[in-house]
Amino acid sequence: MSSMLSTQRARRDVWRPLWELPGRYDIIVSMTRRELAARYKGSVLGIFWAVLTPVVTIAIFTFIFAGIYGARFGASGSAWNYALYIFCGVLPWNAFQESVQLSSQTIVSHANLVKRVVFPLEILPVSQVLTSIANQMFGTIALVFAALIIERKVHATVLLLPVLLLPQFVAMLGASWLVASLGLFLRDLVQGIVLLLMAWMYLTPIIYPESIVPERYRPFINANPFTPLIRSYRRIILEGALPDWYGLGYFALFALACFIFGYWWFARTRRSFADVI
């Protein structure tokens, strides 16, 4: 009986910090602000780098794929239209990629906090995720203005943005918790994550339209959970259509699985962080 009670108590201890996260709102906001300030500290352009970086990337892709190879989104899309579609796909992907890469080093870079028994370490990946989401929002504002200038209209469906952001945020949290722990025990993971995310990006229809994917490869592209997420972002922001609800449900299941497993792994291994540091 005592062993059963201790097992139940251990399970509660694993999940208790998760339920306490909303009560740590002040710490989370403070660390997110500090992360944003530190990221652009000393730079002339400051927060504008959050928009400039994807814009330069998109300009390169547009020149190569739309200018040289003549790739287009839609039957009568222009090179400017291609750039908008690229921008719309790059923003959520960059947020995911950035949060995962930075979280893989967050425990090591905050070694002084790891040795403080009372500090809630699960907050560290959360602040990285919120910082990346904030950068995505700055870029999304720029995207909406660009769409207004190029297409001379803004669709009301853009108000559905929170419907896409919520499962994306959940997926980013789970992935960030997972790699934050693994990055401490496997120091080579940082380089491995870069390669994995690069391959994942090219397997997601971000810089190319889904319509050009050969039929035999479509099952693999559709199995990628980020495919319906990117598709839904383009539909609500650029096309004035509703999200791909079925695909979004698939992504939501993926996000929930990431969240549960990622947090569980982080919570089960955090006791060893101080020893490894």
C-alpha atoms as a PDB file:
ATOM      1  CA  MET A   1       0.000   0.000   0.000  1.00  0.00           C
ATOM      2  CA  SER A   2       2.810   2.430   0.920  1.00  0.00           C
ATOM      3  CA  SER A   3       4.599   1.739  -2.396  1.00  0.00           C
ATOM      4  CA  MET A   4       1.366   2.409  -4.287  1.00  0.00           C
ATOM      5  CA  LEU A   5       0.898   5.701  -2.452  1.00  0.00           C
ATOM      6  CA  SER A   6       4.507   6.728  -3.123  1.00  0.00           C
ATOM      7  CA  THR A   7       4.041   5.954  -6.828  1.00  0.00           C
ATOM      8  CA  GLN A   8       0.903   8.085  -6.977  1.00  0.00           C
ATOM      9  CA  ARG A   9       2.697  10.866  -5.118  1.00  0.00           C
ATOM     10  CA  ALA A  10       5.609  10.702  -7.580  1.00  0.00           C
ATOM     11  CA  ARG A  11       3.200  11.027 -10.503  1.00  0.00           C
ATOM     12  CA  ARG A  12       1.552  14.051  -8.914  1.00  0.00           C
ATOM     13  CA  ASP A  13       4.975  15.617  -8.304  1.00  0.00           C
ATOM     14  CA  VAL A  14       5.825  15.240 -11.992  1.00  0.00           C
ATOM     15  CA  TRP A  15       2.740  17.101 -13.182  1.00  0.00           C
ATOM     16  CA  ARG A  16       2.355  19.613 -10.340  1.00  0.00           C
ATOM     17  CA  PRO A  17       4.763  22.238 -11.849  1.00  0.00           C
ATOM     18  CA  LEU A  18       2.691  22.205 -15.039  1.00  0.00           C
ATOM     19  CA  TRP A  19      -0.506  23.102 -13.172  1.00  0.00           C
ATOM     20  CA  GLU A  20       1.424  25.822 -11.317  1.00  0.00           C
ATOM     21  CA  LEU A  21       2.647  27.522 -14.517  1.00  0.00           C
ATOM     22  CA  PRO A  22      -0.307  29.983 -14.774  1.00  0.00           C
ATOM     23  CA  GLY A  23       0.491  31.167 -11.260  1.00  0.00           C
ATOM     24  CA  ARG A  24       4.040  31.984 -12.363  1.00  0.00           C
ATOM     25  CA  TYR A  25       2.786  34.420 -14.997  1.00  0.00           C
ATOM     26  CA  ASP A  26       4.880  37.324 -13.658  1.00  0.00           C
ATOM     27  CA  ILE A  27       8.139  35.352 -13.855  1.00  0.00           C
ATOM     28  CA  ILE A  28       7.340  34.081 -17.350  1.00  0.00           C
ATOM     29  CA  VAL A  29       6.549  37.575 -18.666  1.00  0.00           C
ATOM     30  CA  SER A  30       9.653  39.014 -17.012  1.00  0.00           C
ATOM     31  CA  MET A  31      11.936  36.376 -18.531  1.00  0.00           C
ATOM     32  CA  THR A  32      10.303  36.743 -21.960  1.00  0.00           C
ATOM     33  CA  ARG A  33      10.858  40.501 -21.901  1.00  0.00           C
ATOM     34  CA  ARG A  34      14.455  39.982 -20.829  1.00  0.00           C
ATOM     35  CA  GLU A  35      14.976  37.442 -23.624  1.00  0.00           C
ATOM     36  CA  LEU A  36      13.557  39.839 -26.223  1.00  0.00           C
ATOM     37  CA  ALA A  37      15.660  42.726 -24.906  1.00  0.00           C
ATOM     38  CA  ALA A  38      18.840  40.624 -24.800  1.00  0.00           C
ATOM     39  CA  ARG A  39      18.321  39.330 -28.325  1.00  0.00           C
ATOM     40  CA  TYR A  40      18.336  42.813 -29.867  1.00  0.00           C
ATOM     41  CA  LYS A  41      20.462  44.635 -27.294  1.00  0.00           C
ATOM     42  CA  GLY A  42      23.042  46.918 -28.875  1.00  0.00           C
ATOM     43  CA  SER A  43      21.655  46.544 -32.408  1.00  0.00           C
ATOM     44  CA  VAL A  44      20.696  49.635 -34.387  1.00  0.00           C
ATOM     45  CA  LEU A  45      17.494  48.208 -35.846  1.00  0.00           C
ATOM     46  CA  GLY A  46      16.409  46.428 -32.658  1.00  0.00           C
ATOM     47  CA  ILE A  47      13.124  44.546 -32.961  1.00  0.00           C
ATOM     48  CA  PHE A  48      12.970  45.279 -36.692  1.00  0.00           C
ATOM     49  CA  TRP A  49      15.399  42.387 -37.169  1.00  0.00           C
ATOM     50  CA  ALA A  50      12.412  40.116 -36.434  1.00  0.00           C
ATOM     51  CA  VAL A  51      10.943  41.336 -39.743  1.00  0.00           C
ATOM     52  CA  LEU A  52      14.121  42.019 -41.713  1.00  0.00           C
ATOM     53  CA  THR A  53      15.589  38.523 -41.321  1.00  0.00           C
ATOM     54  CA  PRO A  54      12.640  36.633 -42.874  1.00  0.00           C
ATOM     55  CA  VAL A  55      12.236  39.368 -45.514  1.00  0.00           C
ATOM     56  CA  VAL A  56      15.819  38.862 -46.744  1.00  0.00           C
ATOM     57  CA  THR A  57      15.333  35.094 -46.759  1.00  0.00           C
ATOM     58  CA  ILE A  58      12.094  35.449 -48.699  1.00  0.00           C
ATOM     59  CA  ALA A  59      13.728  37.812 -51.212  1.00  0.00           C
ATOM     60  CA  ILE A  60      16.414  35.210 -51.928  1.00  0.00           C
ATOM     61  CA  PHE A  61      13.890  32.381 -52.334  1.00  0.00           C
ATOM     62  CA  THR A  62      11.664  34.569 -54.525  1.00  0.00           C
ATOM     63  CA  PHE A  63      14.573  35.524 -56.782  1.00  0.00           C
ATOM     64  CA  ILE A  64      15.699  31.912 -57.174  1.00  0.00           C
ATOM     65  CA  PHE A  65      12.404  30.045 -57.404  1.00  0.00           C
ATOM     66  CA  ALA A  66      10.012  32.666 -58.793  1.00  0.00           C
ATOM     67  CA  GLY A  67      12.498  34.701 -60.803  1.00  0.00           C
ATOM     68  CA  ILE A  68      14.767  31.994 -62.221  1.00  0.00           C
ATOM     69  CA  TYR A  69      12.582  28.876 -62.160  1.00  0.00           C
ATOM     70  CA  GLY A  70       9.226  30.633 -62.607  1.00  0.00           C
ATOM     71  CA  ALA A  71       7.539  28.945 -59.633  1.00  0.00           C
ATOM     72  CA  ARG A  72       4.122  30.338 -58.753  1.00  0.00           C
ATOM     73  CA  PHE A  73       1.397  29.859 -56.156  1.00  0.00           C
ATOM     74  CA  GLY A  74      -1.932  29.666 -57.967  1.00  0.00           C
ATOM     75  CA  ALA A  75      -2.715  29.754 -61.671  1.00  0.00           C
ATOM     76  CA  SER A  76      -2.085  33.474 -62.197  1.00  0.00           C
ATOM     77  CA  GLY A  77       0.170  34.339 -59.302  1.00  0.00           C
ATOM     78  CA  SER A  78       2.883  36.949 -59.750  1.00  0.00           C
ATOM     79  CA  ALA A  79       6.357  37.001 -58.240  1.00  0.00           C
ATOM     80  CA  TRP A  80       4.991  39.389 -55.556  1.00  0.00           C
ATOM     81  CA  ASN A  81       2.227  36.907 -54.820  1.00  0.00           C
ATOM     82  CA  TYR A  82       4.831  34.162 -54.533  1.00  0.00           C
ATOM     83  CA  ALA A  83       6.747  36.276 -52.004  1.00  0.00           C
ATOM     84  CA  LEU A  84       3.592  36.712 -49.881  1.00  0.00           C
ATOM     85  CA  TYR A  85       2.978  32.962 -49.818  1.00  0.00           C
ATOM     86  CA  ILE A  86       6.590  32.320 -48.882  1.00  0.00           C
ATOM     87  CA  PHE A  87       6.399  34.954 -46.125  1.00  0.00           C
ATOM     88  CA  CYS A  88       3.207  33.382 -44.770  1.00  0.00           C
ATOM     89  CA  GLY A  89       4.824  29.947 -44.575  1.00  0.00           C
ATOM     90  CA  VAL A  90       8.192  31.065 -43.252  1.00  0.00           C
ATOM     91  CA  LEU A  91       6.818  32.961 -40.234  1.00  0.00           C
ATOM     92  CA  PRO A  92       5.286  30.030 -38.275  1.00  0.00           C
ATOM     93  CA  TRP A  93       8.085  27.703 -39.321  1.00  0.00           C
ATOM     94  CA  ASN A  94      10.777  30.159 -38.173  1.00  0.00           C
ATOM     95  CA  ALA A  95       9.021  30.515 -34.821  1.00  0.00           C
ATOM     96  CA  PHE A  96       9.031  26.737 -34.327  1.00  0.00           C
ATOM     97  CA  GLN A  97      12.602  26.330 -35.545  1.00  0.00           C
ATOM     98  CA  GLU A  98      13.932  29.211 -33.460  1.00  0.00           C
ATOM     99  CA  SER A  99      12.271  28.070 -30.228  1.00  0.00           C
ATOM    100  CA  VAL A 100      13.533  24.491 -30.625  1.00  0.00           C
ATOM    101  CA  GLN A 101      17.105  25.506 -31.458  1.00  0.00           C
ATOM    102  CA  LEU A 102      17.371  27.995 -28.600  1.00  0.00           C
ATOM    103  CA  SER A 103      15.711  25.641 -26.114  1.00  0.00           C
ATOM    104  CA  SER A 104      18.284  22.938 -26.870  1.00  0.00           C
ATOM    105  CA  GLN A 105      20.863  25.153 -25.111  1.00  0.00           C
ATOM    106  CA  THR A 106      18.704  26.938 -22.552  1.00  0.00           C
ATOM    107  CA  ILE A 107      19.486  24.674 -19.574  1.00  0.00           C
ATOM    108  CA  VAL A 108      23.236  24.863 -20.198  1.00  0.00           C
ATOM    109  CA  SER A 109      23.150  28.639 -20.655  1.00  0.00           C
ATOM    110  CA  HIS A 110      21.204  29.073 -17.393  1.00  0.00           C
ATOM    111  CA  ALA A 111      23.402  26.793 -15.285  1.00  0.00           C
ATOM    112  CA  ASN A 112      23.259  29.238 -12.379  1.00  0.00           C
ATOM    113  CA  LEU A 113      19.479  28.775 -12.138  1.00  0.00           C
ATOM    114  CA  VAL A 114      19.662  24.977 -12.346  1.00  0.00           C
ATOM    115  CA  LYS A 115      21.370  24.780  -8.967  1.00  0.00           C
ATOM    116  CA  ARG A 116      18.637  26.823  -7.324  1.00  0.00           C
ATOM    117  CA  VAL A 117      16.267  24.191  -6.001  1.00  0.00           C
ATOM    118  CA  VAL A 118      13.286  26.543  -5.805  1.00  0.00           C
ATOM    119  CA  PHE A 119      13.534  27.928  -9.355  1.00  0.00           C
ATOM    120  CA  PRO A 120      10.920  26.457 -11.756  1.00  0.00           C
ATOM    121  CA  LEU A 121      13.163  25.322 -14.633  1.00  0.00           C
ATOM    122  CA  GLU A 122      10.210  24.475 -16.865  1.00  0.00           C
ATOM    123  CA  ILE A 123       9.796  28.235 -17.345  1.00  0.00           C
ATOM    124  CA  LEU A 124      13.033  28.500 -19.361  1.00  0.00           C
ATOM    125  CA  PRO A 125      11.692  26.792 -22.521  1.00  0.00           C
ATOM    126  CA  VAL A 126       8.361  28.608 -22.080  1.00  0.00           C
ATOM    127  CA  SER A 127      10.087  32.000 -22.281  1.00  0.00           C
ATOM    128  CA  GLN A 128      11.944  30.892 -25.437  1.00  0.00           C
ATOM    129  CA  VAL A 129       8.658  29.843 -27.048  1.00  0.00           C
ATOM    130  CA  LEU A 130       6.901  33.101 -26.145  1.00  0.00           C
ATOM    131  CA  THR A 131       9.824  35.106 -27.515  1.00  0.00           C
ATOM    132  CA  SER A 132       9.604  33.241 -30.829  1.00  0.00           C
ATOM    133  CA  ILE A 133       5.817  33.705 -30.950  1.00  0.00           C
ATOM    134  CA  ALA A 134       6.301  37.443 -30.329  1.00  0.00           C
ATOM    135  CA  ASN A 135       8.734  37.609 -33.258  1.00  0.00           C
ATOM    136  CA  GLN A 136       6.203  35.768 -35.406  1.00  0.00           C
ATOM    137  CA  MET A 137       3.525  38.322 -34.499  1.00  0.00           C
ATOM    138  CA  PHE A 138       5.779  41.227 -35.521  1.00  0.00           C
ATOM    139  CA  GLY A 139       6.339  39.474 -38.839  1.00  0.00           C
ATOM    140  CA  THR A 140       2.632  38.738 -39.248  1.00  0.00           C
ATOM    141  CA  ILE A 141       1.787  42.428 -38.856  1.00  0.00           C
ATOM    142  CA  ALA A 142       4.298  43.188 -41.611  1.00  0.00           C
ATOM    143  CA  LEU A 143       2.767  40.418 -43.749  1.00  0.00           C
ATOM    144  CA  VAL A 144      -0.746  41.847 -43.404  1.00  0.00           C
ATOM    145  CA  PHE A 145       0.492  45.312 -44.415  1.00  0.00           C
ATOM    146  CA  ALA A 146       2.367  43.806 -47.382  1.00  0.00           C
ATOM    147  CA  ALA A 147      -0.785  41.947 -48.465  1.00  0.00           C
ATOM    148  CA  LEU A 148      -2.752  45.177 -48.160  1.00  0.00           C
ATOM    149  CA  ILE A 149      -0.264  46.994 -50.411  1.00  0.00           C
ATOM    150  CA  ILE A 150       0.136  44.214 -53.007  1.00  0.00           C
ATOM    151  CA  GLU A 151      -3.386  42.768 -53.100  1.00  0.00           C
ATOM    152  CA  ARG A 152      -5.152  45.890 -51.817  1.00  0.00           C
ATOM    153  CA  LYS A 153      -7.290  43.968 -49.367  1.00  0.00           C
ATOM    154  CA  VAL A 154      -7.188  42.220 -46.005  1.00  0.00           C
ATOM    155  CA  HIS A 155      -9.443  39.230 -45.424  1.00  0.00           C
ATOM    156  CA  ALA A 156     -11.656  39.059 -42.334  1.00  0.00           C
ATOM    157  CA  THR A 157     -10.531  35.445 -41.853  1.00  0.00           C
ATOM    158  CA  VAL A 158      -7.251  36.801 -40.460  1.00  0.00           C
ATOM    159  CA  LEU A 159      -9.195  37.080 -37.188  1.00  0.00           C
ATOM    160  CA  LEU A 160      -8.985  33.268 -36.995  1.00  0.00           C
ATOM    161  CA  LEU A 161      -5.247  33.547 -36.354  1.00  0.00           C
ATOM    162  CA  PRO A 162      -5.557  32.502 -32.654  1.00  0.00           C
ATOM    163  CA  VAL A 163      -7.150  29.216 -33.798  1.00  0.00           C
ATOM    164  CA  LEU A 164      -3.852  28.352 -35.504  1.00  0.00           C
ATOM    165  CA  LEU A 165      -1.569  29.901 -32.908  1.00  0.00           C
ATOM    166  CA  LEU A 166      -2.936  27.832 -30.024  1.00  0.00           C
ATOM    167  CA  PRO A 167      -2.003  24.341 -31.331  1.00  0.00           C
ATOM    168  CA  GLN A 168       1.255  25.751 -32.715  1.00  0.00           C
ATOM    169  CA  PHE A 169       2.102  27.143 -29.270  1.00  0.00           C
ATOM    170  CA  VAL A 170       1.303  23.771 -27.668  1.00  0.00           C
ATOM    171  CA  ALA A 171       3.547  21.923 -30.165  1.00  0.00           C
ATOM    172  CA  MET A 172       6.377  24.407 -29.641  1.00  0.00           C
ATOM    173  CA  LEU A 173       6.168  24.015 -25.865  1.00  0.00           C
ATOM    174  CA  GLY A 174       6.338  20.223 -26.010  1.00  0.00           C
ATOM    175  CA  ALA A 175       9.215  20.159 -28.506  1.00  0.00           C
ATOM    176  CA  SER A 176      11.122  22.814 -26.538  1.00  0.00           C
ATOM    177  CA  TRP A 177      10.778  20.980 -23.229  1.00  0.00           C
ATOM    178  CA  LEU A 178      11.995  17.786 -24.875  1.00  0.00           C
ATOM    179  CA  VAL A 179      15.085  19.249 -26.550  1.00  0.00           C
ATOM    180  CA  ALA A 180      15.892  21.394 -23.489  1.00  0.00           C
ATOM    181  CA  SER A 181      16.409  18.212 -21.512  1.00  0.00           C
ATOM    182  CA  LEU A 182      18.055  16.215 -24.294  1.00  0.00           C
ATOM    183  CA  GLY A 183      20.385  19.108 -25.119  1.00  0.00           C
ATOM    184  CA  LEU A 184      21.878  18.884 -21.632  1.00  0.00           C
ATOM    185  CA  PHE A 185      22.563  15.140 -21.765  1.00  0.00           C
ATOM    186  CA  LEU A 186      23.508  14.994 -25.466  1.00  0.00           C
ATOM    187  CA  ARG A 187      25.664  18.010 -26.305  1.00  0.00           C
ATOM    188  CA  ASP A 188      25.843  16.977 -29.992  1.00  0.00           C
ATOM    189  CA  LEU A 189      22.082  17.417 -30.204  1.00  0.00           C
ATOM    190  CA  VAL A 190      22.460  21.111 -31.064  1.00  0.00           C
ATOM    191  CA  GLN A 191      24.114  20.289 -34.390  1.00  0.00           C
ATOM    192  CA  GLY A 192      21.732  17.393 -34.992  1.00  0.00           C
ATOM    193  CA  ILE A 193      18.715  19.638 -34.434  1.00  0.00           C
ATOM    194  CA  VAL A 194      19.963  22.062 -37.100  1.00  0.00           C
ATOM    195  CA  LEU A 195      20.190  19.273 -39.686  1.00  0.00           C
ATOM    196  CA  LEU A 196      16.841  17.763 -38.692  1.00  0.00           C
ATOM    197  CA  LEU A 197      15.012  21.092 -38.884  1.00  0.00           C
ATOM    198  CA  MET A 198      16.615  21.933 -42.234  1.00  0.00           C
ATOM    199  CA  ALA A 199      15.421  18.629 -43.706  1.00  0.00           C
ATOM    200  CA  TRP A 200      11.978  19.096 -42.119  1.00  0.00           C
ATOM    201  CA  MET A 201      11.630  22.564 -43.649  1.00  0.00           C
ATOM    202  CA  TYR A 202      12.302  21.308 -47.181  1.00  0.00           C
ATOM    203  CA  LEU A 203       9.834  18.463 -46.643  1.00  0.00           C
ATOM    204  CA  THR A 204       7.186  21.068 -45.787  1.00  0.00           C
ATOM    205  CA  PRO A 205       5.582  23.006 -48.681  1.00  0.00           C
ATOM    206  CA  ILE A 206       6.894  26.385 -47.561  1.00  0.00           C
ATOM    207  CA  ILE A 207       9.046  27.524 -50.472  1.00  0.00           C
ATOM    208  CA  TYR A 208       7.118  25.521 -53.076  1.00  0.00           C
ATOM    209  CA  PRO A 209       3.379  24.986 -53.684  1.00  0.00           C
ATOM    210  CA  GLU A 210       1.786  21.650 -52.839  1.00  0.00           C
ATOM    211  CA  SER A 211       0.521  21.404 -56.413  1.00  0.00           C
ATOM    212  CA  ILE A 212       3.997  20.691 -57.826  1.00  0.00           C
ATOM    213  CA  VAL A 213       4.615  17.690 -55.545  1.00  0.00           C
ATOM    214  CA  PRO A 214       4.471  14.468 -57.609  1.00  0.00           C
ATOM    215  CA  GLU A 215       1.515  12.236 -56.754  1.00  0.00           C
ATOM    216  CA  ARG A 216       3.707   9.422 -55.442  1.00  0.00           C
ATOM    217  CA  TYR A 217       5.262  11.740 -52.826  1.00  0.00           C
ATOM    218  CA  ARG A 218       2.058  13.411 -51.655  1.00  0.00           C
ATOM    219  CA  PRO A 219       1.326  10.870 -48.877  1.00  0.00           C
ATOM    220  CA  PHE A 220       4.689  11.747 -47.296  1.00  0.00           C
ATOM    221  CA  ILE A 221       4.065  15.504 -47.584  1.00  0.00           C
ATOM    222  CA  ASN A 222       0.535  15.133 -46.186  1.00  0.00           C
ATOM    223  CA  ALA A 223       1.842  13.022 -43.300  1.00  0.00           C
ATOM    224  CA  ASN A 224       3.972  15.989 -42.265  1.00  0.00           C
ATOM    225  CA  PRO A 225       1.912  17.701 -39.511  1.00  0.00           C
ATOM    226  CA  PHE A 226       3.218  21.132 -40.505  1.00  0.00           C
ATOM    227  CA  THR A 227       1.762  20.845 -44.014  1.00  0.00           C
ATOM    228  CA  PRO A 228      -1.861  21.530 -42.930  1.00  0.00           C
ATOM    229  CA  LEU A 229      -0.714  24.225 -40.495  1.00  0.00           C
ATOM    230  CA  ILE A 230       1.124  26.169 -43.217  1.00  0.00           C
ATOM    231  CA  ARG A 231      -1.822  25.567 -45.584  1.00  0.00           C
ATOM    232  CA  SER A 232      -4.240  26.984 -43.020  1.00  0.00           C
ATOM    233  CA  TYR A 233      -2.115  30.087 -42.402  1.00  0.00           C
ATOM    234  CA  ARG A 234      -2.157  30.837 -46.133  1.00  0.00           C
ATOM    235  CA  ARG A 235      -5.874  30.225 -46.382  1.00  0.00           C
ATOM    236  CA  ILE A 236      -6.911  32.606 -43.598  1.00  0.00           C
ATOM    237  CA  ILE A 237      -4.383  35.386 -44.316  1.00  0.00           C
ATOM    238  CA  LEU A 238      -4.012  35.387 -48.106  1.00  0.00           C
ATOM    239  CA  GLU A 239      -7.012  33.551 -49.544  1.00  0.00           C
ATOM    240  CA  GLY A 240      -9.866  34.608 -47.287  1.00  0.00           C
ATOM    241  CA  ALA A 241     -10.835  30.961 -46.729  1.00  0.00           C
ATOM    242  CA  LEU A 242     -11.437  28.933 -43.589  1.00  0.00           C
ATOM    243  CA  PRO A 243      -8.615  26.785 -42.217  1.00  0.00           C
ATOM    244  CA  ASP A 244      -8.189  23.180 -43.273  1.00  0.00           C
ATOM    245  CA  TRP A 245     -10.144  21.911 -40.259  1.00  0.00           C
ATOM    246  CA  TYR A 246      -9.370  18.236 -40.810  1.00  0.00           C
ATOM    247  CA  GLY A 247      -5.674  18.918 -41.272  1.00  0.00           C
ATOM    248  CA  LEU A 248      -5.683  21.298 -38.317  1.00  0.00           C
ATOM    249  CA  GLY A 249      -7.201  18.548 -36.169  1.00  0.00           C
ATOM    250  CA  TYR A 250      -4.351  16.262 -37.251  1.00  0.00           C
ATOM    251  CA  PHE A 251      -1.818  18.935 -36.288  1.00  0.00           C
ATOM    252  CA  ALA A 252      -3.589  19.482 -32.949  1.00  0.00           C
ATOM    253  CA  LEU A 253      -3.204  15.771 -32.117  1.00  0.00           C
ATOM    254  CA  PHE A 254       0.482  15.984 -33.026  1.00  0.00           C
ATOM    255  CA  ALA A 255       0.825  19.095 -30.844  1.00  0.00           C
ATOM    256  CA  LEU A 256      -0.893  17.424 -27.884  1.00  0.00           C
ATOM    257  CA  ALA A 257       1.367  14.367 -28.168  1.00  0.00           C
ATOM    258  CA  CYS A 258       4.438  16.645 -28.288  1.00  0.00           C
ATOM    259  CA  PHE A 259       3.213  18.604 -25.293  1.00  0.00           C
ATOM    260  CA  ILE A 260       2.509  15.593 -23.074  1.00  0.00           C
ATOM    261  CA  PHE A 261       5.632  13.627 -23.931  1.00  0.00           C
ATOM    262  CA  GLY A 262       7.907  16.674 -23.991  1.00  0.00           C
ATOM    263  CA  TYR A 263       6.808  17.903 -20.582  1.00  0.00           C
ATOM    264  CA  TRP A 264       6.830  14.402 -19.081  1.00  0.00           C
ATOM    265  CA  TRP A 265      10.390  13.809 -20.250  1.00  0.00           C
ATOM    266  CA  PHE A 266      11.548  17.202 -18.979  1.00  0.00           C
ATOM    267  CA  ALA A 267       9.923  16.687 -15.576  1.00  0.00           C
ATOM    268  CA  ARG A 268      11.292  13.143 -15.165  1.00  0.00           C
ATOM    269  CA  THR A 269      14.867  14.139 -16.011  1.00  0.00           C
ATOM    270  CA  ARG A 270      15.124  17.543 -14.312  1.00  0.00           C
ATOM    271  CA  ARG A 271      16.375  15.984 -11.059  1.00  0.00           C
ATOM    272  CA  SER A 272      19.588  15.038 -12.862  1.00  0.00           C
ATOM    273  CA  PHE A 273      20.203  18.476 -14.372  1.00  0.00           C
ATOM    274  CA  ALA A 274      22.362  19.755 -11.501  1.00  0.00           C
ATOM    275  CA  ASP A 275      24.515  16.603 -11.563  1.00  0.00           C
ATOM    276  CA  VAL A 276      25.173  16.870 -15.296  1.00  0.00           C
ATOM    277  CA  ILE A 277      25.836  20.637 -15.219  1.00  0.00           C
END
